[in-house]
Amino acid sequence: METKAITDSGICGNQSNRAMLNRVIAIQSKKGSTMIEYALISSLVSIAAVTTPGLLGCQLDLMFQAVEAAFTP
C-alpha cells in the first residue's frame, strides 16, 4: 500500500502535525480498500445466490419429488 507523505511546511506547521496527517491519510486509504473488498465479496455472494438455484433446479426438483413419493401412501 502506498501512502502520500506531506512534507510541505506550508501545509503543516511542525513534525508531529505532519506525522498525524500521514497517519490519517493511511487510515483513510485502508478504509477505502476495505469497502471495496466488502463490495466484491457481497457481489460474489449475490451472484452465487442467483445462479445456484438455476444450476441445481432440476436436481432439487427430483429430490423433492422422491421425498413426496416416499410420504404418499
C-alpha atoms as a PDB file:
ATOM      1  CA  MET A   1       0.000   0.000   0.000  1.00  0.00           C
ATOM      2  CA  GLU A   2       1.288   3.407  -0.893  1.00  0.00           C
ATOM      3  CA  THR A   3       0.740   6.420   1.339  1.00  0.00           C
ATOM      4  CA  LYS A   4       1.351  10.024   0.448  1.00  0.00           C
ATOM      5  CA  ALA A   5       3.759  11.881   2.703  1.00  0.00           C
ATOM      6  CA  ILE A   6       3.034  15.529   3.421  1.00  0.00           C
ATOM      7  CA  THR A   7       6.350  17.350   3.552  1.00  0.00           C
ATOM      8  CA  ASP A   8       5.398  20.904   2.636  1.00  0.00           C
ATOM      9  CA  SER A   9       5.910  23.103   5.676  1.00  0.00           C
ATOM     10  CA  GLY A  10       3.180  25.418   4.393  1.00  0.00           C
ATOM     11  CA  ILE A  11       0.548  22.712   4.968  1.00  0.00           C
ATOM     12  CA  CYS A  12       1.739  21.519   8.367  1.00  0.00           C
ATOM     13  CA  GLY A  13       3.496  23.615  10.951  1.00  0.00           C
ATOM     14  CA  ASN A  14       5.674  21.035  12.677  1.00  0.00           C
ATOM     15  CA  GLN A  15       6.826  17.424  12.538  1.00  0.00           C
ATOM     16  CA  SER A  16       4.108  15.983  14.815  1.00  0.00           C
ATOM     17  CA  ASN A  17       1.322  17.530  12.714  1.00  0.00           C
ATOM     18  CA  ARG A  18       2.812  16.028   9.561  1.00  0.00           C
ATOM     19  CA  ALA A  19       3.084  12.604  11.209  1.00  0.00           C
ATOM     20  CA  MET A  20      -0.537  12.774  12.365  1.00  0.00           C
ATOM     21  CA  LEU A  21      -1.713  13.846   8.924  1.00  0.00           C
ATOM     22  CA  ASN A  22       0.213  10.980   7.319  1.00  0.00           C
ATOM     23  CA  ARG A  23      -1.484   8.526   9.716  1.00  0.00           C
ATOM     24  CA  VAL A  24      -4.921   9.926   8.840  1.00  0.00           C
ATOM     25  CA  ILE A  25      -4.206   9.535   5.128  1.00  0.00           C
ATOM     26  CA  ALA A  26      -3.057   5.928   5.673  1.00  0.00           C
ATOM     27  CA  ILE A  27      -6.179   5.078   7.691  1.00  0.00           C
ATOM     28  CA  GLN A  28      -8.476   6.602   5.083  1.00  0.00           C
ATOM     29  CA  SER A  29      -6.831   4.622   2.294  1.00  0.00           C
ATOM     30  CA  LYS A  30      -7.268   1.399   4.323  1.00  0.00           C
ATOM     31  CA  LYS A  31     -10.954   2.176   4.833  1.00  0.00           C
ATOM     32  CA  GLY A  32     -11.413   2.656   1.111  1.00  0.00           C
ATOM     33  CA  SER A  33      -9.761  -0.648   0.257  1.00  0.00           C
ATOM     34  CA  THR A  34     -11.808  -2.444   2.922  1.00  0.00           C
ATOM     35  CA  MET A  35     -15.026  -1.048   1.464  1.00  0.00           C
ATOM     36  CA  ILE A  36     -14.004  -2.250  -1.988  1.00  0.00           C
ATOM     37  CA  GLU A  37     -13.225  -5.714  -0.612  1.00  0.00           C
ATOM     38  CA  TYR A  38     -16.636  -5.926   1.076  1.00  0.00           C
ATOM     39  CA  ALA A  39     -18.340  -4.803  -2.130  1.00  0.00           C
ATOM     40  CA  LEU A  40     -16.558  -7.516  -4.116  1.00  0.00           C
ATOM     41  CA  ILE A  41     -17.436 -10.193  -1.567  1.00  0.00           C
ATOM     42  CA  SER A  42     -21.098  -9.152  -1.472  1.00  0.00           C
ATOM     43  CA  SER A  43     -21.306  -9.118  -5.259  1.00  0.00           C
ATOM     44  CA  LEU A  44     -19.834 -12.632  -5.468  1.00  0.00           C
ATOM     45  CA  VAL A  45     -22.275 -13.887  -2.828  1.00  0.00           C
ATOM     46  CA  SER A  46     -25.218 -12.363  -4.686  1.00  0.00           C
ATOM     47  CA  ILE A  47     -24.076 -13.902  -7.979  1.00  0.00           C
ATOM     48  CA  ALA A  48     -23.825 -17.295  -6.274  1.00  0.00           C
ATOM     49  CA  ALA A  49     -27.271 -16.853  -4.712  1.00  0.00           C
ATOM     50  CA  VAL A  50     -28.813 -16.099  -8.107  1.00  0.00           C
ATOM     51  CA  THR A  51     -27.068 -18.795 -10.172  1.00  0.00           C
ATOM     52  CA  THR A  52     -27.116 -21.748  -7.758  1.00  0.00           C
ATOM     53  CA  PRO A  53     -30.872 -22.430  -7.846  1.00  0.00           C
ATOM     54  CA  GLY A  54     -30.804 -22.319 -11.646  1.00  0.00           C
ATOM     55  CA  LEU A  55     -27.957 -24.808 -11.831  1.00  0.00           C
ATOM     56  CA  LEU A  56     -29.371 -27.157  -9.188  1.00  0.00           C
ATOM     57  CA  GLY A  57     -33.044 -26.644 -10.005  1.00  0.00           C
ATOM     58  CA  CYS A  58     -33.648 -29.967 -11.775  1.00  0.00           C
ATOM     59  CA  GLN A  59     -31.753 -31.958  -9.163  1.00  0.00           C
ATOM     60  CA  LEU A  60     -33.654 -30.294  -6.326  1.00  0.00           C
ATOM     61  CA  ASP A  61     -36.960 -30.897  -8.089  1.00  0.00           C
ATOM     62  CA  LEU A  62     -36.171 -34.615  -8.459  1.00  0.00           C
ATOM     63  CA  MET A  63     -35.129 -34.848  -4.818  1.00  0.00           C
ATOM     64  CA  PHE A  64     -38.357 -33.227  -3.592  1.00  0.00           C
ATOM     65  CA  GLN A  65     -40.413 -35.483  -5.862  1.00  0.00           C
ATOM     66  CA  ALA A  66     -38.676 -38.520  -4.332  1.00  0.00           C
ATOM     67  CA  VAL A  67     -39.402 -37.267  -0.826  1.00  0.00           C
ATOM     68  CA  GLU A  68     -43.035 -36.599  -1.764  1.00  0.00           C
ATOM     69  CA  ALA A  69     -43.349 -40.071  -3.272  1.00  0.00           C
ATOM     70  CA  ALA A  70     -41.973 -41.605  -0.080  1.00  0.00           C
ATOM     71  CA  PHE A  71     -44.677 -39.939   2.010  1.00  0.00           C
ATOM     72  CA  THR A  72     -47.526 -40.652  -0.422  1.00  0.00           C
ATOM     73  CA  PRO A  73     -49.476 -43.759   0.615  1.00  0.00           C
END
